N, C-alpha and C. Protein backbone atom coordinates (compact mmCIF):
# COMPACT_ATOMS: atom_id res chain seq x y z
N MET A 1 70.49 -134.58 -46.09
CA MET A 1 72.04 -133.89 -46.36
C MET A 1 72.49 -134.69 -45.67
N ASN A 2 73.81 -135.19 -46.47
CA ASN A 2 75.03 -136.08 -46.20
C ASN A 2 75.33 -135.52 -45.37
N TRP A 3 76.84 -136.66 -45.00
CA TRP A 3 77.50 -136.29 -43.72
C TRP A 3 78.45 -135.38 -43.77
N MET A 4 79.17 -135.43 -44.95
CA MET A 4 79.93 -134.20 -46.05
C MET A 4 79.55 -133.10 -45.91
N GLN A 5 78.35 -132.81 -46.05
CA GLN A 5 77.75 -131.19 -45.82
C GLN A 5 77.47 -131.09 -44.26
N ALA A 6 77.03 -131.99 -43.28
CA ALA A 6 77.45 -131.95 -42.00
C ALA A 6 78.16 -131.54 -41.35
N LEU A 7 79.30 -131.94 -41.78
CA LEU A 7 80.87 -131.88 -41.41
C LEU A 7 81.10 -130.12 -41.79
N GLU A 8 80.65 -130.02 -43.02
CA GLU A 8 80.89 -128.71 -43.60
C GLU A 8 80.33 -127.43 -42.51
N ALA A 9 79.23 -128.08 -42.41
CA ALA A 9 78.13 -126.65 -42.10
C ALA A 9 78.89 -126.86 -40.42
N ALA A 10 79.37 -128.11 -39.69
CA ALA A 10 80.30 -128.06 -38.69
C ALA A 10 81.05 -127.23 -38.49
N SER A 11 82.06 -127.24 -39.47
CA SER A 11 83.26 -126.45 -39.50
C SER A 11 83.47 -125.03 -40.00
N TYR A 12 82.31 -124.73 -40.85
CA TYR A 12 81.73 -123.41 -40.32
C TYR A 12 81.37 -122.92 -39.14
N LEU A 13 80.65 -123.71 -38.41
CA LEU A 13 79.91 -123.58 -36.93
C LEU A 13 81.50 -122.98 -36.56
N VAL A 14 82.13 -124.07 -36.25
CA VAL A 14 83.26 -123.46 -35.65
C VAL A 14 84.42 -122.81 -35.81
N THR A 15 84.21 -122.54 -37.71
CA THR A 15 85.43 -121.22 -37.65
C THR A 15 84.39 -119.88 -37.20
N VAL A 16 83.09 -119.82 -37.09
CA VAL A 16 82.23 -118.56 -36.92
C VAL A 16 82.08 -118.70 -35.79
N LEU A 17 82.09 -119.64 -34.71
CA LEU A 17 81.92 -119.60 -33.22
C LEU A 17 83.13 -119.08 -32.35
N GLY A 18 83.82 -120.74 -32.46
CA GLY A 18 84.64 -120.76 -31.66
C GLY A 18 86.22 -120.59 -32.18
N PHE A 19 86.55 -120.05 -33.26
CA PHE A 19 87.65 -118.94 -33.16
C PHE A 19 87.48 -117.98 -32.63
N PRO A 20 86.70 -117.57 -33.01
CA PRO A 20 86.68 -115.52 -32.24
C PRO A 20 86.76 -116.16 -30.30
N PHE A 21 85.95 -117.25 -30.10
CA PHE A 21 85.44 -117.71 -28.79
C PHE A 21 87.06 -117.55 -28.52
N ALA A 22 88.10 -118.92 -29.28
CA ALA A 22 89.54 -119.20 -28.45
C ALA A 22 90.54 -117.87 -28.44
N ILE A 23 90.07 -116.75 -30.01
CA ILE A 23 90.42 -115.61 -29.01
C ILE A 23 90.74 -115.02 -27.99
N ALA A 24 88.99 -114.97 -27.60
CA ALA A 24 89.42 -114.40 -26.64
C ALA A 24 89.27 -114.81 -25.52
N VAL A 25 89.44 -116.13 -25.17
CA VAL A 25 90.05 -117.12 -24.03
C VAL A 25 91.25 -116.71 -24.08
N TYR A 26 92.38 -116.69 -25.56
CA TYR A 26 93.77 -115.98 -25.29
C TYR A 26 93.89 -114.78 -24.94
N LEU A 27 93.44 -113.92 -25.15
CA LEU A 27 93.77 -112.40 -25.30
C LEU A 27 93.20 -112.24 -23.17
N PHE A 28 92.05 -112.77 -22.78
CA PHE A 28 91.58 -113.30 -21.44
C PHE A 28 92.79 -113.62 -20.53
N ASP A 29 93.26 -114.74 -20.91
CA ASP A 29 95.07 -115.44 -20.60
C ASP A 29 96.07 -114.44 -20.55
N GLN A 30 96.20 -114.24 -21.83
CA GLN A 30 97.46 -112.78 -21.99
C GLN A 30 97.04 -111.54 -20.53
N ARG A 31 96.13 -111.66 -20.58
CA ARG A 31 95.86 -110.02 -19.69
C ARG A 31 95.66 -110.61 -18.26
N ARG A 32 95.25 -112.08 -18.14
CA ARG A 32 95.76 -112.41 -16.53
C ARG A 32 96.78 -112.44 -16.06
N GLU A 33 97.37 -113.21 -17.29
CA GLU A 33 99.51 -113.92 -16.98
C GLU A 33 99.99 -112.47 -16.68
N ARG A 34 99.46 -111.13 -17.64
CA ARG A 34 100.51 -109.80 -17.37
C ARG A 34 100.19 -109.27 -16.18
N GLN A 35 99.25 -109.31 -15.48
CA GLN A 35 98.63 -108.93 -14.32
C GLN A 35 99.28 -109.82 -13.68
N ASN A 36 99.10 -111.43 -13.56
CA ASN A 36 100.07 -111.77 -12.42
C ASN A 36 102.06 -111.40 -12.63
N GLU A 37 102.02 -111.26 -13.74
CA GLU A 37 103.75 -111.00 -13.36
C GLU A 37 103.66 -109.62 -13.54
N GLU A 38 103.06 -108.62 -13.19
CA GLU A 38 103.18 -107.82 -12.89
C GLU A 38 103.11 -107.59 -11.05
N GLU A 39 102.13 -108.06 -10.63
CA GLU A 39 102.24 -108.38 -9.14
C GLU A 39 103.97 -109.35 -8.45
N GLU A 40 104.07 -110.19 -9.02
CA GLU A 40 105.26 -111.19 -9.34
C GLU A 40 106.32 -109.82 -9.30
N ILE A 41 106.07 -108.72 -9.87
CA ILE A 41 107.58 -107.59 -9.71
C ILE A 41 107.13 -106.96 -8.58
N TYR A 42 105.95 -106.42 -8.56
CA TYR A 42 106.27 -105.88 -7.10
C TYR A 42 106.38 -106.57 -5.90
N LEU A 43 105.80 -107.53 -5.99
CA LEU A 43 106.34 -108.79 -4.62
C LEU A 43 107.29 -108.60 -4.35
N ARG A 44 108.62 -108.81 -5.90
CA ARG A 44 110.10 -109.10 -5.52
C ARG A 44 110.50 -107.73 -5.00
N LEU A 45 109.49 -106.66 -5.51
CA LEU A 45 110.65 -105.25 -5.14
C LEU A 45 110.38 -105.12 -3.50
N SER A 46 109.27 -105.59 -3.39
CA SER A 46 108.55 -105.11 -2.24
C SER A 46 109.36 -105.72 -1.21
N ASP A 47 110.03 -107.26 -1.36
CA ASP A 47 110.81 -107.66 -0.48
C ASP A 47 112.30 -106.98 -0.96
N GLU A 48 112.64 -106.84 -1.86
CA GLU A 48 114.18 -106.08 -2.09
C GLU A 48 114.12 -105.18 -0.95
N TYR A 49 112.57 -104.09 -0.99
CA TYR A 49 112.98 -102.85 -0.13
C TYR A 49 112.59 -102.96 1.48
N ALA A 50 112.26 -104.29 1.55
CA ALA A 50 111.97 -105.03 3.21
C ALA A 50 113.88 -105.15 3.70
N ASN A 51 114.45 -105.82 2.62
CA ASN A 51 115.57 -105.95 2.55
C ASN A 51 116.44 -104.51 3.27
N PHE A 52 116.20 -103.82 2.35
CA PHE A 52 116.95 -102.58 2.73
C PHE A 52 116.88 -102.34 3.67
N MET A 53 115.13 -102.17 4.01
CA MET A 53 114.87 -101.79 5.40
C MET A 53 115.38 -102.79 6.67
N ARG A 54 115.93 -104.20 6.43
CA ARG A 54 116.42 -104.84 7.41
C ARG A 54 117.83 -104.24 7.68
N LEU A 55 118.77 -103.76 6.55
CA LEU A 55 119.77 -103.13 6.33
C LEU A 55 119.58 -102.08 7.32
N VAL A 56 118.64 -101.00 7.13
CA VAL A 56 118.46 -99.46 7.79
C VAL A 56 118.68 -100.26 9.18
N ILE A 57 117.99 -101.35 9.72
CA ILE A 57 117.42 -101.61 10.99
C ILE A 57 119.30 -101.67 11.52
N ASP A 58 119.38 -102.79 10.54
CA ASP A 58 120.92 -102.95 11.25
C ASP A 58 122.16 -102.10 11.24
N ASN A 59 122.01 -101.19 10.92
CA ASN A 59 122.52 -99.67 10.61
C ASN A 59 121.92 -98.64 11.85
N ALA A 60 121.45 -98.95 12.38
CA ALA A 60 120.31 -97.99 13.56
C ALA A 60 121.51 -96.81 13.95
N ASP A 61 122.90 -96.91 14.29
CA ASP A 61 123.23 -95.82 14.63
C ASP A 61 123.87 -94.55 13.53
N LEU A 62 123.14 -95.02 12.31
CA LEU A 62 122.87 -94.24 11.23
C LEU A 62 121.81 -93.65 11.66
N HIS A 63 120.92 -93.76 12.44
CA HIS A 63 119.32 -92.91 12.52
C HIS A 63 118.74 -93.04 11.22
N LEU A 64 118.72 -93.31 10.31
CA LEU A 64 117.59 -93.05 9.14
C LEU A 64 116.12 -93.24 9.37
N LEU A 65 116.10 -93.86 10.51
CA LEU A 65 114.20 -93.59 11.09
C LEU A 65 114.14 -92.80 11.63
N SER A 66 114.71 -91.62 11.70
CA SER A 66 114.56 -89.94 12.68
C SER A 66 115.74 -89.45 12.34
N PRO A 67 114.78 -88.35 12.65
CA PRO A 67 115.01 -87.26 12.23
C PRO A 67 116.85 -86.94 11.71
N GLU A 68 117.39 -86.49 10.90
CA GLU A 68 118.92 -86.95 10.67
C GLU A 68 119.57 -86.02 11.27
N ASP A 69 119.17 -85.03 11.83
CA ASP A 69 120.30 -83.86 12.91
C ASP A 69 120.55 -84.39 13.92
N ARG A 70 119.95 -85.59 14.59
CA ARG A 70 119.93 -85.93 15.78
C ARG A 70 120.92 -86.73 16.20
N ALA A 71 121.75 -86.15 15.65
CA ALA A 71 123.47 -87.07 15.76
C ALA A 71 124.63 -86.71 14.94
N GLU A 72 125.89 -86.50 15.37
CA GLU A 72 126.83 -86.35 14.27
C GLU A 72 127.54 -87.46 14.12
N LEU A 73 127.85 -88.15 12.69
CA LEU A 73 128.09 -89.18 12.08
C LEU A 73 129.73 -88.92 12.16
N ASN A 74 130.47 -90.10 12.12
CA ASN A 74 131.64 -90.00 11.96
C ASN A 74 131.64 -90.28 10.57
N GLU A 75 133.56 -90.47 10.09
CA GLU A 75 133.00 -90.74 8.21
C GLU A 75 133.23 -92.08 8.18
N GLU A 76 133.29 -92.80 9.04
CA GLU A 76 132.72 -95.02 8.51
C GLU A 76 131.33 -94.97 8.40
N GLN A 77 130.69 -93.96 9.42
CA GLN A 77 129.16 -94.19 9.27
C GLN A 77 128.45 -93.43 8.23
N ARG A 78 129.25 -91.97 7.52
CA ARG A 78 128.78 -91.72 6.73
C ARG A 78 129.25 -92.07 5.52
N GLU A 79 130.32 -92.91 5.53
CA GLU A 79 130.46 -93.73 4.33
C GLU A 79 129.25 -94.91 4.05
N ARG A 80 128.47 -95.46 5.27
CA ARG A 80 127.96 -96.68 5.42
C ARG A 80 126.48 -95.86 4.68
N LYS A 81 126.14 -95.08 5.52
CA LYS A 81 125.01 -93.94 5.00
C LYS A 81 124.86 -94.04 3.44
N LEU A 82 125.71 -93.20 2.98
CA LEU A 82 125.92 -93.33 1.31
C LEU A 82 125.88 -94.60 0.79
N ALA A 83 126.47 -95.57 0.95
CA ALA A 83 126.08 -96.58 0.55
C ALA A 83 124.88 -97.17 0.86
N LEU A 84 124.50 -97.21 2.09
CA LEU A 84 122.51 -97.32 1.95
C LEU A 84 121.57 -96.49 1.03
N PHE A 85 122.35 -95.24 1.15
CA PHE A 85 121.31 -94.18 -0.17
C PHE A 85 121.81 -94.85 -1.13
N ALA A 86 122.81 -95.25 -1.78
CA ALA A 86 123.39 -96.12 -3.12
C ALA A 86 121.90 -97.53 -3.31
N ILE A 87 122.34 -97.75 -2.48
CA ILE A 87 121.23 -99.24 -2.42
C ILE A 87 119.49 -99.36 -2.71
N LEU A 88 119.62 -97.89 -2.44
CA LEU A 88 118.16 -96.95 -2.29
C LEU A 88 118.16 -96.24 -3.10
N VAL A 89 118.49 -96.03 -3.79
CA VAL A 89 118.58 -95.36 -5.37
C VAL A 89 118.66 -96.16 -6.60
N ALA A 90 119.08 -97.39 -6.10
CA ALA A 90 119.03 -98.06 -7.81
C ALA A 90 117.68 -98.92 -6.97
N LEU A 91 117.52 -99.17 -6.11
CA LEU A 91 116.06 -100.07 -5.63
C LEU A 91 114.66 -99.29 -6.14
N PHE A 92 114.98 -98.00 -5.94
CA PHE A 92 113.67 -96.94 -6.57
C PHE A 92 114.29 -97.31 -8.39
N GLU A 93 115.09 -97.07 -8.73
CA GLU A 93 115.66 -97.02 -10.58
C GLU A 93 114.70 -98.60 -10.94
N ARG A 94 115.29 -99.43 -9.88
CA ARG A 94 115.26 -100.61 -10.59
C ARG A 94 112.98 -100.47 -10.40
N ALA A 95 112.58 -100.19 -9.93
CA ALA A 95 110.97 -100.06 -9.59
C ALA A 95 110.77 -99.08 -10.26
N TYR A 96 111.46 -97.98 -10.92
CA TYR A 96 110.91 -97.00 -12.03
C TYR A 96 110.61 -97.70 -13.01
N VAL A 97 111.90 -98.43 -13.55
CA VAL A 97 112.47 -99.43 -14.53
C VAL A 97 110.97 -100.32 -15.22
N LEU A 98 110.99 -101.31 -14.09
CA LEU A 98 109.59 -102.49 -13.94
C LEU A 98 108.45 -101.67 -14.00
N VAL A 99 108.17 -100.96 -13.49
CA VAL A 99 106.46 -100.27 -12.83
C VAL A 99 105.88 -99.77 -13.89
N TYR A 100 107.11 -98.69 -13.88
CA TYR A 100 106.29 -97.18 -14.13
C TYR A 100 106.19 -97.31 -15.95
N GLU A 101 105.07 -96.88 -16.52
CA GLU A 101 104.65 -96.65 -17.90
C GLU A 101 104.31 -95.28 -17.89
N GLU A 102 103.95 -94.49 -19.45
CA GLU A 102 103.00 -93.89 -19.35
C GLU A 102 101.99 -94.41 -19.93
N GLY A 103 100.79 -93.50 -19.63
CA GLY A 103 99.73 -94.35 -19.82
C GLY A 103 99.20 -95.59 -18.71
N MET A 104 99.25 -95.91 -17.45
CA MET A 104 99.59 -96.99 -17.02
C MET A 104 98.20 -96.87 -16.90
N SER A 105 97.75 -98.56 -16.18
CA SER A 105 96.17 -99.09 -16.30
C SER A 105 96.42 -98.32 -14.76
N ARG A 106 94.83 -98.82 -14.34
CA ARG A 106 94.54 -98.34 -12.90
C ARG A 106 95.79 -99.44 -11.73
N GLN A 107 95.53 -100.71 -12.33
CA GLN A 107 96.81 -101.50 -11.59
C GLN A 107 98.18 -101.14 -11.43
N GLN A 108 98.54 -100.81 -12.26
CA GLN A 108 100.04 -100.49 -12.58
C GLN A 108 100.17 -99.08 -11.96
N ALA A 109 99.41 -97.96 -11.71
CA ALA A 109 99.06 -97.15 -11.49
C ALA A 109 99.13 -97.27 -9.43
N ARG A 110 98.57 -97.91 -9.11
CA ARG A 110 98.31 -98.30 -7.83
C ARG A 110 99.62 -99.25 -7.75
N LEU A 111 100.54 -100.09 -8.04
CA LEU A 111 101.58 -99.98 -7.96
C LEU A 111 102.83 -98.93 -7.52
N TRP A 112 103.01 -98.26 -8.88
CA TRP A 112 103.36 -97.02 -8.45
C TRP A 112 103.43 -96.56 -7.66
N GLN A 113 102.27 -95.67 -7.29
CA GLN A 113 101.94 -94.92 -6.58
C GLN A 113 102.55 -95.32 -4.82
N SER A 114 102.99 -96.71 -4.89
CA SER A 114 103.90 -97.07 -3.46
C SER A 114 104.58 -96.74 -3.20
N TRP A 115 105.41 -96.62 -4.78
CA TRP A 115 107.23 -96.58 -4.85
C TRP A 115 106.70 -95.12 -4.75
N THR A 116 106.32 -94.21 -5.30
CA THR A 116 106.06 -92.66 -5.34
C THR A 116 106.15 -92.24 -3.66
N ASP A 117 105.39 -93.16 -3.17
CA ASP A 117 105.02 -93.21 -1.69
C ASP A 117 106.54 -92.98 -0.93
N TYR A 118 107.04 -93.95 -1.03
CA TYR A 118 108.82 -94.29 -0.46
C TYR A 118 109.52 -93.51 -0.92
N MET A 119 109.75 -93.06 -1.96
CA MET A 119 110.64 -91.86 -2.91
C MET A 119 110.25 -90.69 -2.44
N GLN A 120 108.89 -90.25 -2.19
CA GLN A 120 108.47 -89.11 -1.54
C GLN A 120 109.26 -89.47 -0.27
N GLU A 121 108.76 -89.92 0.80
CA GLU A 121 109.11 -90.14 2.16
C GLU A 121 111.15 -90.08 2.39
N TRP A 122 111.44 -90.51 1.44
CA TRP A 122 113.39 -90.73 1.27
C TRP A 122 113.12 -88.91 1.50
N CYS A 123 112.77 -88.54 0.06
CA CYS A 123 112.82 -87.39 -0.13
C CYS A 123 112.85 -86.20 0.61
N ARG A 124 111.74 -86.55 1.33
CA ARG A 124 111.56 -85.44 2.94
C ARG A 124 112.93 -85.43 3.85
N ARG A 125 114.10 -86.20 3.47
CA ARG A 125 115.36 -86.02 4.40
C ARG A 125 116.68 -84.62 4.06
N ALA A 126 116.73 -84.47 4.19
CA ALA A 126 117.32 -83.71 3.82
C ALA A 126 119.24 -84.09 3.26
N ASP A 127 119.54 -84.60 3.83
CA ASP A 127 120.75 -85.54 3.50
C ASP A 127 120.49 -86.76 2.09
N PHE A 128 119.38 -86.99 2.72
CA PHE A 128 119.23 -87.66 1.24
C PHE A 128 118.83 -87.29 0.28
N ARG A 129 118.65 -85.95 0.12
CA ARG A 129 118.18 -85.06 -1.05
C ARG A 129 119.95 -84.14 -1.63
N ALA A 130 120.45 -84.19 -0.36
CA ALA A 130 121.86 -83.98 -0.39
C ALA A 130 122.72 -84.83 -1.43
N ALA A 131 122.32 -86.33 -1.04
CA ALA A 131 123.61 -87.04 -1.54
C ALA A 131 122.89 -87.58 -3.07
N LEU A 132 121.55 -87.14 -3.53
CA LEU A 132 120.81 -87.57 -4.69
C LEU A 132 121.75 -87.07 -5.29
N PRO A 133 122.44 -86.16 -5.37
CA PRO A 133 122.75 -85.92 -7.38
C PRO A 133 123.87 -86.50 -7.38
N GLY A 134 124.65 -86.80 -6.79
CA GLY A 134 126.31 -88.22 -6.71
C GLY A 134 125.43 -89.14 -7.29
N LEU A 135 124.30 -89.56 -6.81
CA LEU A 135 123.74 -90.97 -6.97
C LEU A 135 123.28 -91.41 -8.02
N LEU A 136 122.62 -90.01 -8.83
CA LEU A 136 122.00 -90.20 -10.12
C LEU A 136 123.33 -90.42 -11.69
N HIS A 137 123.98 -90.22 -11.82
CA HIS A 137 125.17 -89.95 -12.53
C HIS A 137 124.87 -91.86 -13.27
N GLY A 138 124.43 -91.63 -14.59
CA GLY A 138 124.60 -93.19 -15.23
C GLY A 138 123.10 -93.58 -14.91
N GLU A 139 122.05 -92.96 -13.79
CA GLU A 139 120.66 -93.46 -14.03
C GLU A 139 119.74 -93.52 -15.45
N ASP A 140 118.58 -94.14 -15.53
CA ASP A 140 117.58 -93.90 -16.42
C ASP A 140 116.96 -92.43 -16.13
N PRO A 141 117.36 -91.64 -17.70
CA PRO A 141 116.91 -90.19 -17.40
C PRO A 141 115.42 -90.33 -17.27
N GLY A 142 114.83 -90.89 -17.40
CA GLY A 142 113.33 -91.01 -16.57
C GLY A 142 113.16 -90.94 -15.49
N PHE A 143 114.31 -91.79 -14.71
CA PHE A 143 113.52 -92.07 -13.13
C PHE A 143 114.70 -90.80 -12.80
N VAL A 144 115.71 -90.27 -13.33
CA VAL A 144 116.50 -88.80 -12.38
C VAL A 144 115.52 -88.08 -12.93
N ALA A 145 114.40 -87.74 -13.65
CA ALA A 145 113.73 -86.63 -13.80
C ALA A 145 112.61 -86.95 -12.86
N VAL A 146 112.08 -87.77 -12.74
CA VAL A 146 111.12 -88.50 -11.61
C VAL A 146 111.49 -88.08 -9.98
N ILE A 147 112.89 -88.29 -9.53
CA ILE A 147 113.10 -88.41 -8.60
C ILE A 147 113.75 -87.54 -8.12
N GLU A 148 114.43 -86.28 -9.24
CA GLU A 148 114.58 -85.04 -8.93
C GLU A 148 112.94 -83.91 -8.12
N ARG A 149 112.15 -84.23 -9.37
CA ARG A 149 110.64 -83.48 -9.27
C ARG A 149 110.64 -83.89 -7.67
N ILE A 150 110.40 -84.84 -7.58
CA ILE A 150 109.74 -85.23 -6.10
C ILE A 150 110.64 -84.77 -4.93
N SER A 151 112.37 -85.23 -5.18
CA SER A 151 113.14 -84.51 -4.21
C SER A 151 112.72 -82.63 -3.91
N ALA A 152 112.52 -81.79 -5.31
CA ALA A 152 112.26 -80.57 -5.12
C ALA A 152 111.18 -80.10 -4.47
N GLU A 153 110.09 -81.15 -5.03
CA GLU A 153 109.00 -80.83 -3.97
C GLU A 153 109.18 -80.88 -2.98
N ALA A 154 109.63 -81.72 -2.16
CA ALA A 154 110.00 -82.16 -0.80
C ALA A 154 110.80 -81.09 -0.36
N ALA A 155 112.07 -80.26 -1.21
CA ALA A 155 112.21 -79.47 -0.66
C ALA A 155 111.73 -77.84 -0.77
N GLU A 156 110.64 -78.13 -1.94
CA GLU A 156 109.65 -76.79 -1.37
C GLU A 156 108.91 -76.90 0.26
N ALA A 157 108.82 -78.36 0.13
CA ALA A 157 107.93 -78.67 1.31
C ALA A 157 108.51 -77.69 2.85
N GLY A 158 109.93 -78.40 2.94
CA GLY A 158 110.61 -77.92 3.66
C GLY A 158 110.68 -79.70 4.85
N GLY A 159 109.99 -80.43 4.73
CA GLY A 159 109.44 -81.84 5.87
C GLY A 159 110.93 -82.29 5.78
N VAL A 160 111.52 -82.65 7.17
CA VAL A 160 112.15 -83.63 7.41
C VAL A 160 111.77 -84.38 8.16
N SER A 161 111.91 -85.62 7.77
CA SER A 161 111.39 -86.82 8.76
C SER A 161 112.10 -88.10 8.36
N GLY A 162 112.07 -89.18 8.90
CA GLY A 162 112.47 -90.24 9.22
C GLY A 162 112.89 -91.11 7.63
N GLY A 163 113.44 -92.30 7.22
CA GLY A 163 112.93 -93.28 6.37
C GLY A 163 111.74 -94.12 6.75
N ARG A 164 111.02 -94.78 5.83
CA ARG A 164 109.91 -95.59 5.94
C ARG A 164 110.68 -96.87 6.87
């Protein structure tokens, strides 16, 4: 066997073994990169929710962490509460757009479930549910359907609790 035949045999070996291996490594890296991107999106959204909760704490006079029937609010307080609810709905929609998919993987479903929990918690508040229709104009139709379903379930359950 001369060196040309040896090189030709080596190239066949690389083609038969190396090419599929390279594809497998590429696909594995793509999957890992996508998981990392999903985790990064989730962490950024979690940071935004934490920032929202700081706003809630900074506006403690609105009683958003306790049952809403504890105190009457003046006009300025009602306006701030509505603004905070608008920020929250925008955050929920962003989470829906970035995280929710039909046929989610287990990992995606786990990440989405935490946002569903947040929405359920806030939809237990009658004041949030009352403000919701006015806050949903122009929002993603899929998101509107999801949060309206969650809101209807919360209304049926009749639960009232503070925000998370």
